[in-house]
Amino acid sequence: MVGDRDCGSNDPYAVRITFRAGPDALDWVFARSLLIGGLTEPTGGGDVEVRPSRRHGVATVQIALQGPGAHVVLEAPARFIAAFVRRTCAGVPPGTEHHHIGLDHLARQFLRHVS
């Protein structure tokens, strides 16, 4: 499912999809701009591609994720993706992302990885 629990808090440029299988979870984090653009035209490349589609007369959005040894294509009604995008844009309007970056948080993460 597309999750917005961290919307705007850690990376205002990104969205997260979390896959749950029992107690395990796998997160994919990618640019919010891919979802925004993918509502109307194919966008992305490499690990993440997003494109509009139709299934049984219903507008959908396909999200293709490519990883080492795995490839998955997710499809959701476009209205659900558009509603999610509207919520993220209400919380962090496009063009204002730089105002929402927690530099203290980023510095702590960096220091944790280099120590």
Protein backbone atom coordinates (compact mmCIF):
# COMPACT_ATOMS: atom_id res chain seq x y z
CA MET A 1 0.00 0.00 0.00
CA VAL A 2 1.16 3.54 -0.52
CA GLY A 3 1.97 4.97 2.87
CA ASP A 4 2.18 8.59 3.95
CA ARG A 5 3.05 8.14 7.60
CA ASP A 6 6.33 10.00 7.06
CA CYS A 7 4.98 12.49 4.54
CA GLY A 8 7.04 15.62 4.80
CA SER A 9 8.83 14.62 7.98
CA ASN A 10 12.06 13.02 6.78
CA ASP A 11 12.21 13.50 3.05
CA PRO A 12 9.69 15.92 1.59
CA TYR A 13 10.74 14.95 -1.95
CA ALA A 14 9.93 11.26 -1.46
CA VAL A 15 7.07 8.81 -1.01
CA ARG A 16 7.28 5.37 0.53
CA ILE A 17 5.60 2.08 -0.38
CA THR A 18 5.76 -0.58 2.31
CA PHE A 19 5.26 -4.26 1.52
CA ARG A 20 4.37 -6.43 4.50
CA ALA A 21 4.76 -10.20 4.61
CA GLY A 22 4.06 -11.44 8.12
CA PRO A 23 6.38 -9.69 10.54
CA ASP A 24 8.72 -8.52 7.76
CA ALA A 25 8.43 -5.26 5.87
CA LEU A 26 10.20 -3.96 2.78
CA ASP A 27 10.18 -0.23 2.04
CA TRP A 28 10.62 1.37 -1.38
CA VAL A 29 11.29 5.09 -1.27
CA PHE A 30 11.23 7.13 -4.47
CA ALA A 31 10.61 10.64 -5.75
CA ARG A 32 7.13 12.03 -5.20
CA SER A 33 7.47 13.72 -8.60
CA LEU A 34 7.29 10.25 -10.21
CA LEU A 35 3.79 9.71 -8.80
CA ILE A 36 2.72 13.22 -9.77
CA GLY A 37 3.97 12.83 -13.35
CA GLY A 38 2.86 9.21 -13.64
CA LEU A 39 -0.77 10.19 -13.23
CA THR A 40 -0.75 11.63 -16.76
CA GLU A 41 2.28 10.22 -18.62
CA PRO A 42 4.93 7.50 -18.30
CA THR A 43 7.75 8.68 -16.06
CA GLY A 44 10.80 7.32 -14.31
CA GLY A 45 13.22 4.67 -15.39
CA GLY A 46 15.60 2.18 -13.91
CA ASP A 47 14.35 1.02 -10.52
CA VAL A 48 10.99 2.84 -10.58
CA GLU A 49 8.63 3.55 -13.46
CA VAL A 50 5.13 5.01 -13.11
CA ARG A 51 2.56 5.20 -15.90
CA PRO A 52 -1.14 5.82 -16.40
CA SER A 53 -3.17 2.84 -17.58
CA ARG A 54 -6.72 1.51 -17.83
CA ARG A 55 -8.20 -1.74 -16.59
CA HIS A 56 -11.81 -2.66 -17.32
CA GLY A 57 -12.59 0.95 -18.22
CA VAL A 58 -11.15 2.33 -14.96
CA ALA A 59 -8.20 4.75 -14.98
CA THR A 60 -5.32 3.18 -13.08
CA VAL A 61 -1.68 3.91 -12.31
CA GLN A 62 0.98 1.24 -12.68
CA ILE A 63 4.10 1.42 -10.53
CA ALA A 64 6.90 -0.89 -11.70
CA LEU A 65 9.67 -1.60 -9.17
CA GLN A 66 12.91 -3.30 -10.22
CA GLY A 67 15.40 -4.63 -7.69
CA PRO A 68 18.17 -7.21 -7.58
CA GLY A 69 16.50 -10.42 -8.74
CA ALA A 70 12.97 -9.05 -8.41
CA HIS A 71 10.47 -7.11 -10.48
CA VAL A 72 6.95 -6.19 -9.43
CA VAL A 73 4.23 -4.12 -11.09
CA LEU A 74 1.62 -2.60 -8.78
CA GLU A 75 -1.61 -1.17 -10.07
CA ALA A 76 -4.07 1.04 -8.21
CA PRO A 77 -7.05 3.13 -9.24
CA ALA A 78 -5.80 6.53 -10.38
CA ARG A 79 -8.27 8.25 -8.07
CA PHE A 80 -6.56 6.67 -5.03
CA ILE A 81 -3.09 7.72 -6.22
CA ALA A 82 -4.38 11.22 -7.07
CA ALA A 83 -5.93 11.54 -3.59
CA PHE A 84 -2.63 10.47 -2.00
CA VAL A 85 -0.72 12.98 -4.14
CA ARG A 86 -3.17 15.74 -3.15
CA ARG A 87 -2.56 14.96 0.55
CA THR A 88 1.21 15.05 0.13
CA CYS A 89 1.00 18.32 -1.83
CA ALA A 90 -1.25 19.85 0.84
CA GLY A 91 1.33 18.98 3.49
CA VAL A 92 4.36 19.92 1.38
CA PRO A 93 3.43 21.99 -1.67
CA PRO A 94 5.62 21.35 -4.73
CA GLY A 95 8.45 23.86 -4.85
CA THR A 96 8.56 24.24 -1.05
CA GLU A 97 10.23 20.92 -0.25
CA HIS A 98 13.49 22.61 0.71
CA HIS A 99 11.67 24.38 3.57
CA HIS A 100 10.65 21.01 5.04
CA ILE A 101 14.01 19.28 5.18
CA GLY A 102 15.07 18.57 8.76
CA LEU A 103 18.78 19.38 8.53
CA ASP A 104 19.38 18.33 12.15
CA HIS A 105 17.82 14.94 11.41
CA LEU A 106 19.90 14.56 8.25
CA ALA A 107 23.09 15.46 10.13
CA ARG A 108 22.33 12.85 12.83
CA GLN A 109 21.72 10.20 10.16
CA PHE A 110 24.97 11.08 8.39
CA LEU A 111 26.98 10.99 11.59
CA ARG A 112 25.43 7.65 12.56
CA HIS A 113 26.57 6.14 9.24
CA VAL A 114 30.12 7.47 9.31
CA SER A 115 30.81 6.59 12.95
